[in-house]
Amino acid sequence: MDMHKRIRWITLSAVLLAITLAVQIIGLPQPVTGPLVNAMLFLSGAFAGAISGIIIGLLTPWIAFLRGILAPPLAPMIPFIMIGNGVMVLLFWLGRQFMGKRWGSVIGIAAGSIVKFLILSSAVRFVVSVPQPVAQAMQLPQLINALIGGFAALAIEAAVKAALKNTAYLQ
């Protein structure tokens, strides 16, 4: 990767991370924040690539915990949230790479969301001991949040690309 592309990637990744953290920090209800954070993870994978999306997915649970956004009872779930986020972005990116942007995105969102859900729900069932409300929050709501976030990301990606259609930035 030449220096110009590397600087562009770092800058884009930093901006996407900043937006994702802002979404977490503004304090919207979880049914809004969850899908928005997932949308940002998918958008990071779409615009900056798998590595960027995975890095953001690994950082967000830690930063949310350190800032007090992620409640202390969720601390044992941080490694599983990190793994779930990373795998979700990777499957989305792989779908787009090997199946084309349209259907690959849809298949990648579905596969990534399902695998993230399986990781998180398996963790609360078999690995970590968390209060029942936390366990419930790490199951079906995570699948729903990821799917909503994924399809919102597709709409946002289309809108951004349309807005930047006549620029060389996305070419």
Protein backbone atom coordinates (compact mmCIF):
# COMPACT_ATOMS: atom_id res chain seq x y z
CA MET A 1 0.00 0.00 0.00
CA ASP A 2 1.49 3.33 -0.98
CA MET A 3 1.80 6.16 1.53
CA HIS A 4 -1.20 8.11 0.16
CA LYS A 5 -3.51 5.08 0.48
CA ARG A 6 -2.16 4.26 3.94
CA ILE A 7 -2.81 7.81 5.18
CA ARG A 8 -6.29 7.76 3.65
CA TRP A 9 -7.03 4.40 5.34
CA ILE A 10 -5.80 5.59 8.73
CA THR A 11 -7.77 8.82 8.45
CA LEU A 12 -10.96 7.09 7.33
CA SER A 13 -10.62 4.47 10.07
CA ALA A 14 -10.08 7.18 12.69
CA VAL A 15 -13.14 9.12 11.52
CA LEU A 16 -15.29 5.97 11.53
CA LEU A 17 -14.04 5.11 15.04
CA ALA A 18 -14.79 8.65 16.24
CA ILE A 19 -18.33 8.51 14.84
CA THR A 20 -18.88 5.10 16.42
CA LEU A 21 -17.67 6.35 19.80
CA ALA A 22 -19.85 9.45 19.50
CA VAL A 23 -22.87 7.21 18.90
CA GLN A 24 -22.02 5.32 22.09
CA ILE A 25 -21.37 8.43 24.17
CA ILE A 26 -24.46 10.49 23.32
CA GLY A 27 -26.56 8.19 25.50
CA LEU A 28 -29.44 7.14 23.29
CA PRO A 29 -31.51 4.15 24.47
CA GLN A 30 -29.94 0.73 23.81
CA PRO A 31 -32.49 -0.17 21.08
CA VAL A 32 -31.14 2.82 19.13
CA THR A 33 -27.47 2.67 20.13
CA GLY A 34 -27.09 -1.07 19.42
CA PRO A 35 -28.19 -0.93 15.78
CA LEU A 36 -26.25 2.31 15.20
CA VAL A 37 -23.00 0.85 16.54
CA ASN A 38 -23.52 -2.27 14.43
CA ALA A 39 -24.22 -0.06 11.41
CA MET A 40 -20.93 1.73 12.02
CA LEU A 41 -19.09 -1.59 12.18
CA PHE A 42 -20.58 -2.65 8.85
CA LEU A 43 -19.86 0.78 7.33
CA SER A 44 -16.28 0.56 8.53
CA GLY A 45 -15.93 -2.77 6.76
CA ALA A 46 -17.57 -1.38 3.62
CA PHE A 47 -15.60 1.86 3.36
CA ALA A 48 -12.26 1.08 5.00
CA GLY A 49 -12.05 -2.72 4.80
CA ALA A 50 -12.12 -5.70 7.11
CA ILE A 51 -9.10 -4.71 9.21
CA SER A 52 -10.54 -1.29 9.99
CA GLY A 53 -13.96 -2.68 10.90
CA ILE A 54 -12.42 -5.41 13.04
CA ILE A 55 -10.18 -2.95 14.89
CA ILE A 56 -13.16 -0.68 15.59
CA GLY A 57 -15.19 -3.72 16.69
CA LEU A 58 -12.42 -4.71 19.10
CA LEU A 59 -12.04 -1.22 20.56
CA THR A 60 -15.67 -0.21 21.06
CA PRO A 61 -16.57 -2.58 23.92
CA TRP A 62 -13.43 -1.62 25.87
CA ILE A 63 -13.93 2.08 25.36
CA ALA A 64 -17.62 1.77 26.25
CA PHE A 65 -16.66 -0.05 29.45
CA LEU A 66 -13.93 2.45 30.38
CA ARG A 67 -16.30 5.39 29.77
CA GLY A 68 -19.05 3.79 31.87
CA ILE A 69 -21.36 3.23 28.90
CA LEU A 70 -21.12 -0.55 29.21
CA ALA A 71 -22.45 -1.52 32.65
CA PRO A 72 -20.08 -3.34 35.02
CA PRO A 73 -22.16 -6.58 34.98
CA LEU A 74 -21.30 -6.81 31.26
CA ALA A 75 -17.52 -6.80 31.90
CA PRO A 76 -17.19 -10.61 31.58
CA MET A 77 -18.80 -10.32 28.14
CA ILE A 78 -16.23 -7.89 26.71
CA PRO A 79 -14.01 -10.56 25.09
CA PHE A 80 -17.07 -12.21 23.54
CA ILE A 81 -18.44 -8.89 22.28
CA MET A 82 -15.03 -8.20 20.74
CA ILE A 83 -14.95 -11.61 19.03
CA GLY A 84 -18.57 -11.26 17.89
CA ASN A 85 -17.93 -7.81 16.42
CA GLY A 86 -14.78 -8.93 14.64
CA VAL A 87 -16.35 -12.05 13.16
CA MET A 88 -19.45 -10.10 12.10
CA VAL A 89 -17.37 -7.55 10.17
CA LEU A 90 -15.15 -10.24 8.66
CA LEU A 91 -18.11 -12.30 7.37
CA PHE A 92 -19.72 -9.16 5.94
CA TRP A 93 -16.49 -8.19 4.18
CA LEU A 94 -15.90 -11.74 2.89
CA GLY A 95 -19.44 -11.88 1.53
CA ARG A 96 -18.84 -8.69 -0.43
CA GLN A 97 -15.48 -9.89 -1.71
CA PHE A 98 -16.62 -13.29 -2.93
CA MET A 99 -20.30 -12.82 -3.78
CA GLY A 100 -20.46 -9.23 -5.03
CA LYS A 101 -21.57 -6.12 -3.24
CA ARG A 102 -25.34 -6.56 -3.51
CA TRP A 103 -25.94 -10.19 -2.54
CA GLY A 104 -22.62 -10.53 -0.77
CA SER A 105 -23.62 -7.68 1.53
CA VAL A 106 -26.98 -9.26 2.32
CA ILE A 107 -25.46 -12.70 2.90
CA GLY A 108 -22.57 -11.19 4.87
CA ILE A 109 -24.94 -9.21 7.10
CA ALA A 110 -27.10 -12.27 7.74
CA ALA A 111 -24.15 -14.61 8.37
CA GLY A 112 -22.24 -12.09 10.47
CA SER A 113 -25.30 -11.22 12.56
CA ILE A 114 -26.16 -14.86 13.17
CA VAL A 115 -22.61 -15.81 14.13
CA LYS A 116 -22.30 -12.79 16.45
CA PHE A 117 -25.59 -13.82 18.07
CA LEU A 118 -24.37 -17.41 18.46
CA ILE A 119 -21.10 -16.25 20.05
CA LEU A 120 -22.82 -13.96 22.54
CA SER A 121 -25.72 -16.26 23.39
CA SER A 122 -23.37 -19.25 23.80
CA ALA A 123 -21.12 -17.21 26.07
CA VAL A 124 -23.97 -16.37 28.47
CA ARG A 125 -25.31 -19.91 28.38
CA PHE A 126 -22.09 -21.88 28.73
CA VAL A 127 -19.08 -19.73 29.66
CA VAL A 128 -19.76 -16.66 31.80
CA SER A 129 -22.05 -16.11 34.74
CA VAL A 130 -24.00 -12.88 34.42
CA PRO A 131 -27.32 -11.70 35.86
CA GLN A 132 -30.38 -12.96 33.98
CA PRO A 133 -31.27 -9.54 32.47
CA VAL A 134 -27.72 -9.30 31.05
CA ALA A 135 -27.97 -12.83 29.69
CA GLN A 136 -31.25 -11.98 27.97
CA ALA A 137 -29.77 -8.77 26.52
CA MET A 138 -26.91 -10.81 25.01
CA GLN A 139 -29.23 -13.12 23.11
CA LEU A 140 -32.05 -12.32 20.64
CA PRO A 141 -31.73 -8.51 20.98
CA GLN A 142 -28.15 -8.81 19.68
CA LEU A 143 -29.31 -10.59 16.54
CA ILE A 144 -32.01 -8.00 15.95
CA ASN A 145 -29.60 -5.09 16.58
CA ALA A 146 -27.03 -6.54 14.18
CA LEU A 147 -29.56 -7.16 11.41
CA ILE A 148 -31.11 -3.70 11.74
CA GLY A 149 -27.65 -2.14 11.85
CA GLY A 150 -26.54 -4.09 8.79
CA PHE A 151 -29.44 -3.07 6.62
CA ALA A 152 -29.25 0.51 7.88
CA ALA A 153 -25.58 0.46 6.88
CA LEU A 154 -26.50 -0.55 3.34
CA ALA A 155 -28.87 2.40 3.07
CA ILE A 156 -26.29 4.78 4.54
CA GLU A 157 -23.57 3.43 2.24
CA ALA A 158 -25.80 3.97 -0.81
CA ALA A 159 -26.62 7.52 0.32
CA VAL A 160 -22.96 8.39 0.94
CA LYS A 161 -21.88 6.95 -2.40
CA ALA A 162 -24.66 8.85 -4.18
CA ALA A 163 -23.64 12.09 -2.44
CA LEU A 164 -20.00 11.55 -3.39
CA LYS A 165 -20.74 10.16 -6.85
CA ASN A 166 -18.96 12.91 -8.72
CA THR A 167 -15.86 12.92 -6.54
CA ALA A 168 -12.73 10.89 -6.98
CA TYR A 169 -12.65 9.99 -3.27
CA LEU A 170 -14.55 6.72 -3.48
CA GLN A 171 -13.14 5.58 -6.80
